[in-house]
Amino acid sequence: MQDGDTLNATGLFFYSFIVTGNVDYLFRITLLKKLGHVHPLVTVLGVIVGLGLFGFIGLIFGPLLVNYIILLFQIYTNEFIDNKPEA
């Protein structure tokens, strides 16, 4: 077993975990909020569901899938539930 520079390795691990990981999640949530008007909870839920269903590619398709389901429910509500015939 080879001895290395444990202090630098530990620092790199924490830098990668804190900075790189958080920048990805915060950037994704901010970008989807501004461009697509998607709530941050939908994004987080979509990432979790997408990773479970599709694996790595689920990071992209998960939030889209959740957002499409919400949109489909809104369309159904507007067309069939809100427009009751008047007698």
Protein backbone atom coordinates (compact mmCIF):
# COMPACT_ATOMS: atom_id res chain seq x y z
CA MET A 1 0.00 0.00 0.00
CA GLN A 2 1.31 3.40 -0.96
CA ASP A 3 1.12 6.38 1.36
CA GLY A 4 -0.11 9.59 -0.20
CA ASP A 5 -0.97 13.11 0.74
CA THR A 6 -4.01 12.51 2.92
CA LEU A 7 -4.63 16.19 3.70
CA ASN A 8 -4.86 17.21 0.04
CA ALA A 9 -7.00 14.17 -0.79
CA THR A 10 -9.41 14.99 2.02
CA GLY A 11 -9.56 18.64 0.94
CA LEU A 12 -10.27 17.64 -2.66
CA PHE A 13 -13.02 15.27 -1.51
CA PHE A 14 -14.79 17.96 0.52
CA TYR A 15 -14.35 20.54 -2.25
CA SER A 16 -15.87 18.16 -4.78
CA PHE A 17 -18.69 17.16 -2.48
CA ILE A 18 -19.63 20.66 -1.31
CA VAL A 19 -18.84 22.98 -4.21
CA THR A 20 -19.29 20.83 -7.29
CA GLY A 21 -22.32 18.92 -6.04
CA ASN A 22 -24.17 21.98 -4.79
CA VAL A 23 -23.41 24.07 -7.85
CA ASP A 24 -24.99 21.39 -10.05
CA TYR A 25 -28.17 21.15 -8.00
CA LEU A 26 -28.52 24.88 -7.38
CA PHE A 27 -27.81 25.74 -11.01
CA ARG A 28 -30.35 23.17 -12.23
CA ILE A 29 -33.06 24.43 -9.86
CA THR A 30 -32.37 28.09 -10.71
CA LEU A 31 -32.29 27.45 -14.45
CA LEU A 32 -35.53 25.46 -14.48
CA LYS A 33 -37.22 28.05 -12.26
CA LYS A 34 -36.30 30.96 -14.55
CA LEU A 35 -36.68 29.34 -17.97
CA GLY A 36 -39.49 26.88 -17.43
CA HIS A 37 -41.28 28.29 -14.36
CA VAL A 38 -40.86 24.92 -12.65
CA HIS A 39 -41.12 24.78 -8.87
CA PRO A 40 -37.89 23.65 -7.16
CA LEU A 41 -39.65 20.78 -5.37
CA VAL A 42 -40.78 19.40 -8.73
CA THR A 43 -37.17 19.49 -9.88
CA VAL A 44 -35.86 17.68 -6.81
CA LEU A 45 -38.65 15.11 -6.90
CA GLY A 46 -38.07 14.61 -10.61
CA VAL A 47 -34.36 13.98 -10.12
CA ILE A 48 -35.04 11.42 -7.40
CA VAL A 49 -37.73 9.64 -9.43
CA GLY A 50 -35.72 9.90 -12.65
CA LEU A 51 -32.62 8.34 -11.15
CA GLY A 52 -34.67 5.42 -9.89
CA LEU A 53 -36.47 4.84 -13.19
CA PHE A 54 -33.91 5.73 -15.86
CA GLY A 55 -30.53 5.76 -14.13
CA PHE A 56 -28.09 8.54 -15.01
CA ILE A 57 -30.17 9.86 -17.92
CA GLY A 58 -32.99 10.33 -15.39
CA LEU A 59 -31.30 13.51 -14.21
CA ILE A 60 -32.74 15.12 -17.32
CA PHE A 61 -35.86 13.06 -18.00
CA GLY A 62 -37.08 12.83 -14.39
CA PRO A 63 -38.03 16.51 -13.92
CA LEU A 64 -39.55 16.55 -17.42
CA LEU A 65 -41.65 13.49 -16.65
CA VAL A 66 -42.95 14.93 -13.37
CA ASN A 67 -43.67 18.28 -15.02
CA TYR A 68 -45.58 16.61 -17.89
CA ILE A 69 -47.70 14.65 -15.41
CA ILE A 70 -48.59 17.87 -13.57
CA LEU A 71 -49.39 19.59 -16.86
CA LEU A 72 -51.58 16.68 -17.98
CA PHE A 73 -53.49 16.84 -14.69
CA GLN A 74 -54.01 20.61 -15.11
CA ILE A 75 -55.32 20.14 -18.66
CA TYR A 76 -57.69 17.40 -17.50
CA THR A 77 -58.93 19.58 -14.65
CA ASN A 78 -59.55 22.56 -16.94
CA GLU A 79 -61.34 20.55 -19.61
CA PHE A 80 -63.49 18.13 -17.64
CA ILE A 81 -63.87 19.27 -14.04
CA ASP A 82 -64.08 23.09 -14.21
CA ASN A 83 -66.46 23.20 -17.22
CA LYS A 84 -69.61 21.71 -15.75
CA PRO A 85 -72.72 22.22 -17.92
CA GLU A 86 -75.21 24.75 -16.65
CA ALA A 87 -78.79 23.55 -16.33
